[in-house]
Amino acid sequence: MIQSINEGRISHAQLLLGPEGNGALALALAYVQYLFCTDKTPTDSCGKCAQCNKISKLSHPDVHFVYPLALSKEVEKSTDVFVKWKEAFLQNPYLSLSDWMEYLEAENKQMVIAVGESKDILHQLSLTSYEGNYKVMIMWMAEKMNLVAANKILKVLEEPPDKTLFFLITESTQLPITILSRTQITKVPRINENELAATLMKNGLAEDTANYIAQASDGNYRLAKILAEEKEDSEFLSLKFQSWMRMCLRLDGEKLSEWITEMAGIGREKQKQFFSYSIKLIRQSMLLNTEFPIRPRQSEEDFLKKFAPYVAFESGAAIAEELSRAYHAIERNANPKILLMSLSLKVHKQLNAAKVTA
C-alpha cells in the first residue's frame, strides 16, 4: 500500500476486506495519513506534522466517514453522530459493529447505511477540498449499505471528482457486484499469532497468558483485548462451554433447558462473545487430535483432552459452522432460546456422529 503511494499508483476506489478485529479501519486511516503526511519516511508517516495530527484525531476537514446507523428522526446520516463516532474510534480503532451499536445504545435496532447517506456523500465530495489535497471518504461496514444507497454512489465510484478517494471497509463481500467491480480489493488477513502475543506482552501480560490469548483469539485483536481485560468473563464463558458440551453429549434435557434460560438472559453481546469463544475451543479440540502444537489454558487443558476425541475433523468443522451461523443470527435479533435449543440438538448430533479413535 505504501509502495502504491510512492509510485503514484493510487486507486480512487479501494475495498479493504477482512474479518473482525484485524484492523482494516485503522489501516485505511493509516494509509490516508501516509498519503497526506508532509514529512513521510519510506515506511511510515511522521506522526508529527499538522496533517498527521489532524487525521489521527479524526479532525481533518477533507477526511469524511460513513458508518451504519440506527435511523431515527434525529439521526439520518453519519454527520449527525460524528462526535460519538470520533469518541468510539479513538477509544478503540479495532471496534466492531456490536461495539458501535452499544455506543449508540441501539441494542435492538437495525443498523444500515441508507439512501440519505449517499446523498450526503455526493454533496460532500462535490465541494472543493479545504486544504487543497485529496478528499477522502471512508465507509466502514460497507456491507450494511442498502441497494438504493449503493446504486446512488455508483457513478461517483466510477467517475470520481479529481483527487477523490473512496475506502470501503467490509467484513464480507455481500455487496452488489456493481460496487465490487468498481473497487480495487485488498484482503487484510488476520493478525499473526506471534505478533499478537508480542503486543499483548508489551501491554503487560505474562508470556504464557499472552500466547494462550493470541491463539484463542485467532488473529482478532478486539477479542484478544476482551480476553486480556476481562479474565472473569473468559472464565465464565469457558465454564459455560464445558457444561454445555457435557449436556449436548448426553442430551440432558432438564439441565439443558435451565442452561438455555440462563444464557438467553445474559444479553446479545455476551451471547456473541460466547459463540466466538466456543469456536476457538472447538478449534483447539480439533487440533488436539493432530500433531499441531497448541497451548490450551491450564484451566481448560484437562477438559479439552477428554473432549477432543468427540470432535473429529468433519464434526468439529460442522459445529464451528453452526456456531458461526448462530453468531450472525444473534446479530439479526434471533430469539436466543429457540436458537440455542436448535443449536444444541445439532451439536449433540455431531458429537455423537463419530468419536475419534485413539
Protein backbone atom coordinates (compact mmCIF):
# COMPACT_ATOMS: atom_id res chain seq x y z
CA MET A 1 0.00 0.00 0.00
CA ILE A 2 2.86 2.36 0.79
CA GLN A 3 4.51 1.42 -2.50
CA SER A 4 1.36 2.36 -4.42
CA ILE A 5 1.55 5.88 -2.95
CA ASN A 6 5.28 6.28 -3.57
CA GLU A 7 4.88 5.13 -7.17
CA GLY A 8 1.82 7.30 -7.79
CA ARG A 9 -0.49 4.31 -8.38
CA ILE A 10 -3.27 5.36 -6.04
CA SER A 11 -6.60 3.69 -6.80
CA HIS A 12 -9.52 6.08 -6.37
CA ALA A 13 -11.81 3.33 -5.01
CA GLN A 14 -10.35 0.73 -2.64
CA LEU A 15 -12.09 -2.02 -0.70
CA LEU A 16 -10.37 -3.45 2.37
CA LEU A 17 -11.78 -6.90 3.13
CA GLY A 18 -11.06 -8.80 6.31
CA PRO A 19 -12.51 -10.38 9.46
CA GLU A 20 -13.49 -8.56 12.64
CA GLY A 21 -10.64 -7.34 14.81
CA ASN A 22 -7.98 -7.32 12.07
CA GLY A 23 -7.63 -3.52 11.98
CA ALA A 24 -8.83 -2.79 8.42
CA LEU A 25 -10.40 0.50 9.51
CA ALA A 26 -7.22 1.59 11.30
CA LEU A 27 -5.23 0.51 8.23
CA ALA A 28 -7.32 2.70 5.93
CA LEU A 29 -6.75 5.70 8.18
CA ALA A 30 -3.02 4.97 8.37
CA TYR A 31 -2.92 4.85 4.55
CA VAL A 32 -4.62 8.24 4.31
CA GLN A 33 -2.30 9.67 6.96
CA TYR A 34 0.73 8.47 5.00
CA LEU A 35 -0.71 9.99 1.83
CA PHE A 36 -1.31 13.38 3.48
CA CYS A 37 1.90 13.46 5.58
CA THR A 38 4.29 16.30 4.72
CA ASP A 39 7.36 14.59 6.19
CA LYS A 40 6.83 10.89 5.44
CA THR A 41 9.58 8.28 5.64
CA PRO A 42 9.92 5.31 3.26
CA THR A 43 7.97 3.12 5.71
CA ASP A 44 5.53 5.34 7.62
CA SER A 45 4.05 8.79 8.17
CA CYS A 46 5.91 11.06 10.56
CA GLY A 47 3.04 11.24 13.04
CA LYS A 48 4.04 14.78 13.98
CA CYS A 49 3.13 17.18 11.17
CA ALA A 50 -0.12 19.13 11.11
CA GLN A 51 -1.69 16.75 8.58
CA CYS A 52 -0.84 13.67 10.67
CA ASN A 53 -2.16 15.24 13.84
CA LYS A 54 -5.48 16.18 12.25
CA ILE A 55 -6.01 12.77 10.68
CA SER A 56 -5.04 10.80 13.78
CA LYS A 57 -7.54 12.85 15.80
CA LEU A 58 -10.27 12.49 13.13
CA SER A 59 -10.41 16.25 12.75
CA HIS A 60 -9.15 16.70 9.18
CA PRO A 61 -11.73 18.66 7.12
CA ASP A 62 -11.05 16.63 3.96
CA VAL A 63 -11.44 13.16 5.52
CA HIS A 64 -15.06 12.05 5.89
CA PHE A 65 -16.60 8.96 7.43
CA VAL A 66 -19.73 6.93 6.79
CA TYR A 67 -20.90 4.12 9.08
CA PRO A 68 -24.08 2.16 9.83
CA LEU A 69 -26.76 3.93 11.85
CA ALA A 70 -29.95 3.15 13.73
CA LEU A 71 -32.09 5.61 11.83
CA SER A 72 -34.49 7.94 13.63
CA LYS A 73 -35.92 11.46 13.28
CA GLU A 74 -32.80 12.81 14.99
CA VAL A 75 -30.28 10.57 13.21
CA GLU A 76 -30.49 10.36 9.42
CA LYS A 77 -26.84 10.50 8.32
CA SER A 78 -23.37 9.90 9.76
CA THR A 79 -22.60 13.56 10.39
CA ASP A 80 -25.48 13.63 12.91
CA VAL A 81 -23.50 11.40 15.31
CA PHE A 82 -19.93 12.16 14.24
CA VAL A 83 -18.92 13.24 17.76
CA LYS A 84 -19.91 9.82 19.10
CA TRP A 85 -18.15 8.08 16.20
CA LYS A 86 -14.98 10.03 16.88
CA GLU A 87 -15.07 9.11 20.57
CA ALA A 88 -15.76 5.43 19.83
CA PHE A 89 -12.96 5.12 17.26
CA LEU A 90 -10.35 6.96 19.33
CA GLN A 91 -11.14 4.69 22.27
CA ASN A 92 -10.85 1.56 20.12
CA PRO A 93 -9.71 1.68 16.47
CA TYR A 94 -10.46 -2.07 16.30
CA LEU A 95 -14.11 -1.62 17.25
CA SER A 96 -16.77 -3.97 15.90
CA LEU A 97 -20.30 -3.28 14.73
CA SER A 98 -21.61 -4.54 18.07
CA ASP A 99 -19.28 -2.11 19.90
CA TRP A 100 -20.65 0.73 17.78
CA MET A 101 -24.25 -0.37 18.42
CA GLU A 102 -23.58 -0.44 22.13
CA TYR A 103 -22.03 3.03 21.95
CA LEU A 104 -25.15 4.33 20.20
CA GLU A 105 -27.40 2.42 22.63
CA ALA A 106 -29.01 0.79 19.57
CA GLU A 107 -29.25 -2.68 21.11
CA ASN A 108 -32.31 -3.96 19.22
CA LYS A 109 -32.36 -1.68 16.19
CA GLN A 110 -31.32 -2.48 12.64
CA MET A 111 -28.08 -0.82 11.55
CA VAL A 112 -27.99 0.44 7.98
CA ILE A 113 -26.26 2.81 5.57
CA ALA A 114 -29.32 4.30 3.90
CA VAL A 115 -30.05 6.34 0.80
CA GLY A 116 -29.92 9.62 2.72
CA GLU A 117 -26.27 8.87 3.39
CA SER A 118 -25.47 8.55 -0.31
CA LYS A 119 -26.97 11.96 -0.98
CA ASP A 120 -24.73 13.45 1.71
CA ILE A 121 -21.69 11.66 0.23
CA LEU A 122 -22.33 13.17 -3.19
CA HIS A 123 -22.77 16.62 -1.67
CA GLN A 124 -19.57 16.47 0.40
CA LEU A 125 -17.48 15.19 -2.47
CA SER A 126 -18.78 17.90 -4.80
CA LEU A 127 -17.18 20.57 -2.59
CA THR A 128 -13.63 21.82 -3.05
CA SER A 129 -11.13 20.38 -0.57
CA TYR A 130 -10.36 22.69 2.33
CA GLU A 131 -6.61 22.24 2.24
CA GLY A 132 -6.10 21.68 -1.48
CA ASN A 133 -5.27 18.00 -1.12
CA TYR A 134 -7.26 14.83 -1.62
CA LYS A 135 -10.87 14.45 -0.48
CA VAL A 136 -11.34 11.10 1.25
CA MET A 137 -14.50 9.15 2.06
CA ILE A 138 -14.11 6.15 4.37
CA MET A 139 -17.18 3.90 4.55
CA TRP A 140 -16.98 1.42 7.41
CA MET A 141 -19.05 -1.80 7.34
CA ALA A 142 -20.00 -1.09 3.73
CA GLU A 143 -21.96 -4.35 3.56
CA LYS A 144 -24.65 -2.57 5.61
CA MET A 145 -25.34 -0.26 2.68
CA ASN A 146 -28.79 -0.88 1.21
CA LEU A 147 -29.26 -1.38 -2.51
CA VAL A 148 -30.76 2.05 -3.16
CA ALA A 149 -27.83 3.76 -1.43
CA ALA A 150 -25.36 1.59 -3.36
CA ASN A 151 -26.91 2.50 -6.68
CA LYS A 152 -26.74 6.20 -5.82
CA ILE A 153 -22.95 6.17 -5.43
CA LEU A 154 -22.11 4.02 -8.47
CA LYS A 155 -21.35 6.95 -10.74
CA VAL A 156 -19.09 8.73 -8.26
CA LEU A 157 -17.21 5.45 -7.68
CA GLU A 158 -16.70 5.01 -11.40
CA GLU A 159 -16.00 8.65 -12.29
CA PRO A 160 -15.00 10.47 -9.08
CA PRO A 161 -14.13 14.17 -8.92
CA ASP A 162 -10.44 14.94 -9.23
CA LYS A 163 -8.30 13.86 -6.23
CA THR A 164 -11.16 11.98 -4.56
CA LEU A 165 -10.56 8.68 -2.78
CA PHE A 166 -13.09 6.10 -1.58
CA PHE A 167 -12.31 3.44 1.01
CA LEU A 168 -14.90 0.74 1.64
CA ILE A 169 -14.19 -1.29 4.80
CA THR A 170 -16.03 -4.61 4.93
CA GLU A 171 -16.01 -7.99 6.64
CA SER A 172 -17.72 -9.75 3.74
CA THR A 173 -18.26 -9.46 0.00
CA GLN A 174 -22.03 -9.17 0.47
CA LEU A 175 -22.12 -6.06 -1.69
CA PRO A 176 -23.70 -5.51 -5.11
CA ILE A 177 -21.43 -6.79 -7.88
CA THR A 178 -21.65 -3.32 -9.42
CA ILE A 179 -19.86 -1.95 -6.34
CA LEU A 180 -17.28 -4.73 -6.14
CA SER A 181 -16.39 -4.36 -9.80
CA ARG A 182 -15.59 -0.68 -9.34
CA THR A 183 -13.13 -1.14 -6.47
CA GLN A 184 -9.61 -2.43 -6.01
CA ILE A 185 -9.94 -5.19 -3.41
CA THR A 186 -7.22 -5.69 -0.79
CA LYS A 187 -7.64 -8.66 1.54
CA VAL A 188 -6.49 -7.79 5.05
CA PRO A 189 -5.55 -11.03 6.83
CA ARG A 190 -5.99 -11.95 10.46
CA ILE A 191 -3.21 -10.68 12.70
CA ASN A 192 -0.25 -13.03 13.02
CA GLU A 193 -0.40 -15.02 16.28
CA ASN A 194 3.21 -14.28 17.28
CA GLU A 195 2.80 -10.55 16.59
CA LEU A 196 -0.41 -10.51 18.59
CA ALA A 197 1.25 -12.26 21.53
CA ALA A 198 4.18 -9.81 21.39
CA THR A 199 1.77 -6.86 21.52
CA LEU A 200 -0.09 -8.36 24.48
CA MET A 201 3.21 -8.85 26.33
CA LYS A 202 4.13 -5.21 25.65
CA ASN A 203 0.84 -4.34 27.31
CA GLY A 204 1.88 -6.18 30.46
CA LEU A 205 0.66 -9.75 30.07
CA ALA A 206 2.81 -12.69 31.09
CA GLU A 207 4.22 -14.70 28.18
CA ASP A 208 2.12 -17.85 28.77
CA THR A 209 -1.09 -15.82 29.13
CA ALA A 210 -0.27 -13.76 26.05
CA ASN A 211 0.45 -16.87 23.99
CA TYR A 212 -2.81 -18.51 25.08
CA ILE A 213 -4.92 -15.42 24.32
CA ALA A 214 -3.20 -14.89 20.96
CA GLN A 215 -4.06 -18.43 19.95
CA ALA A 216 -7.60 -18.35 21.36
CA SER A 217 -8.44 -15.05 19.66
CA ASP A 218 -7.43 -16.36 16.20
CA GLY A 219 -5.98 -13.07 14.94
CA ASN A 220 -8.80 -10.91 16.32
CA TYR A 221 -7.19 -8.11 18.32
CA ARG A 222 -10.55 -6.92 19.60
CA LEU A 223 -11.28 -10.36 21.07
CA ALA A 224 -7.72 -10.59 22.43
CA LYS A 225 -8.22 -7.33 24.32
CA ILE A 226 -11.52 -8.59 25.73
CA LEU A 227 -9.90 -11.82 26.92
CA ALA A 228 -6.98 -9.91 28.40
CA GLU A 229 -9.05 -7.27 30.16
CA GLU A 230 -11.97 -9.43 31.28
CA LYS A 231 -10.48 -12.55 32.81
CA GLU A 232 -13.67 -13.05 34.82
CA ASP A 233 -15.70 -13.05 31.60
CA SER A 234 -13.41 -15.56 29.91
CA GLU A 235 -13.71 -17.88 32.93
CA PHE A 236 -17.49 -17.57 32.73
CA LEU A 237 -17.50 -18.37 29.01
CA SER A 238 -15.17 -21.32 29.49
CA LEU A 239 -17.27 -22.88 32.25
CA LYS A 240 -20.49 -22.36 30.28
CA PHE A 241 -18.94 -24.00 27.22
CA GLN A 242 -17.77 -27.02 29.18
CA SER A 243 -21.13 -27.58 30.86
CA TRP A 244 -22.94 -27.07 27.55
CA MET A 245 -20.82 -29.67 25.74
CA ARG A 246 -21.47 -32.22 28.51
CA MET A 247 -25.23 -31.60 28.26
CA CYS A 248 -25.16 -31.81 24.47
CA LEU A 249 -23.19 -35.04 24.52
CA ARG A 250 -25.71 -36.77 26.80
CA LEU A 251 -28.66 -34.59 25.73
CA ASP A 252 -29.66 -33.90 29.33
CA GLY A 253 -32.97 -32.14 28.59
CA GLU A 254 -33.71 -30.73 32.05
CA LYS A 255 -30.26 -29.28 32.65
CA LEU A 256 -30.03 -28.08 29.05
CA SER A 257 -33.32 -26.19 29.41
CA GLU A 258 -32.01 -24.45 32.55
CA TRP A 259 -28.74 -23.61 30.79
CA ILE A 260 -30.55 -22.16 27.79
CA THR A 261 -32.75 -19.99 30.01
CA GLU A 262 -29.67 -18.61 31.76
CA MET A 263 -27.74 -17.96 28.53
CA ALA A 264 -30.76 -16.32 26.90
CA GLY A 265 -30.73 -13.75 29.69
CA ILE A 266 -27.10 -12.62 29.51
CA GLY A 267 -27.65 -10.21 26.62
CA ARG A 268 -26.87 -10.31 22.94
CA GLU A 269 -23.29 -9.03 23.13
CA LYS A 270 -22.25 -11.60 25.69
CA GLN A 271 -24.01 -14.30 23.68
CA LYS A 272 -21.92 -13.31 20.66
CA GLN A 273 -18.78 -13.45 22.82
CA PHE A 274 -19.83 -16.93 23.91
CA PHE A 275 -20.22 -18.17 20.32
CA SER A 276 -16.84 -16.68 19.33
CA TYR A 277 -15.20 -18.24 22.36
CA SER A 278 -16.83 -21.60 21.64
CA ILE A 279 -15.49 -21.61 18.09
CA LYS A 280 -11.96 -21.18 19.45
CA LEU A 281 -12.35 -24.07 21.88
CA ILE A 282 -13.80 -26.33 19.18
CA ARG A 283 -10.81 -25.44 17.01
CA GLN A 284 -8.39 -26.26 19.84
CA SER A 285 -10.15 -29.60 20.41
CA MET A 286 -9.78 -30.47 16.73
CA LEU A 287 -6.08 -29.59 16.81
CA LEU A 288 -5.52 -31.81 19.84
CA ASN A 289 -6.36 -34.74 17.56
CA THR A 290 -3.40 -33.81 15.34
CA GLU A 291 0.28 -33.22 15.93
CA PHE A 292 -0.21 -29.46 15.61
CA PRO A 293 1.23 -27.79 18.74
CA ILE A 294 -1.32 -25.79 20.73
CA ARG A 295 -1.18 -24.07 24.10
CA PRO A 296 -4.52 -24.57 25.87
CA ARG A 297 -5.15 -22.59 29.01
CA GLN A 298 -4.28 -24.60 32.11
CA SER A 299 -7.85 -24.46 33.47
CA GLU A 300 -9.19 -25.89 30.18
CA GLU A 301 -6.46 -28.37 29.27
CA ASP A 302 -7.88 -31.37 31.14
CA PHE A 303 -11.38 -30.85 29.73
CA LEU A 304 -10.16 -30.36 26.17
CA LYS A 305 -8.07 -33.53 26.23
CA LYS A 306 -11.13 -35.55 27.31
CA PHE A 307 -13.43 -33.71 24.91
CA ALA A 308 -11.19 -33.84 21.82
CA PRO A 309 -11.98 -37.49 20.91
CA TYR A 310 -15.58 -36.43 20.27
CA VAL A 311 -14.52 -33.72 17.81
CA ALA A 312 -13.40 -35.36 14.60
CA PHE A 313 -12.44 -33.01 11.78
CA GLU A 314 -15.80 -33.27 9.97
CA SER A 315 -17.93 -32.92 13.10
CA GLY A 316 -15.75 -30.14 14.51
CA ALA A 317 -15.97 -28.18 11.27
CA ALA A 318 -19.74 -28.64 11.21
CA ILE A 319 -20.10 -27.44 14.82
CA ALA A 320 -17.89 -24.41 14.15
CA GLU A 321 -20.04 -23.56 11.11
CA GLU A 322 -23.23 -23.79 13.17
CA LEU A 323 -21.69 -21.58 15.86
CA SER A 324 -20.75 -19.01 13.24
CA ARG A 325 -24.31 -19.02 11.90
CA ALA A 326 -25.64 -18.60 15.43
CA TYR A 327 -23.35 -15.61 15.95
CA HIS A 328 -24.78 -13.87 12.88
CA ALA A 329 -28.34 -14.89 13.78
CA ILE A 330 -27.99 -13.20 17.17
CA GLU A 331 -26.75 -10.08 15.36
CA ARG A 332 -30.02 -10.14 13.42
CA ASN A 333 -32.11 -10.36 16.62
CA ALA A 334 -32.89 -14.08 16.53
CA ASN A 335 -34.79 -15.49 19.51
CA PRO A 336 -31.95 -16.78 21.74
CA LYS A 337 -33.95 -19.60 23.37
CA ILE A 338 -35.09 -21.08 20.06
CA LEU A 339 -31.63 -20.58 18.55
CA LEU A 340 -29.78 -22.22 21.46
CA MET A 341 -32.14 -25.20 21.57
CA SER A 342 -31.80 -25.80 17.82
CA LEU A 343 -28.04 -25.36 18.04
CA SER A 344 -27.76 -27.76 20.99
CA LEU A 345 -29.58 -30.50 19.07
CA LYS A 346 -27.25 -30.04 16.09
CA VAL A 347 -24.17 -30.14 18.34
CA HIS A 348 -25.50 -33.32 20.02
CA LYS A 349 -25.85 -34.99 16.62
CA GLN A 350 -22.32 -34.06 15.56
CA LEU A 351 -20.65 -35.04 18.84
CA ASN A 352 -22.24 -38.48 18.70
CA ALA A 353 -21.75 -38.99 14.97
CA ALA A 354 -18.21 -40.34 15.07
CA LYS A 355 -15.88 -40.48 18.03
CA VAL A 356 -12.23 -40.05 17.08
CA THR A 357 -10.32 -43.29 17.52
CA ALA A 358 -7.42 -43.14 19.94
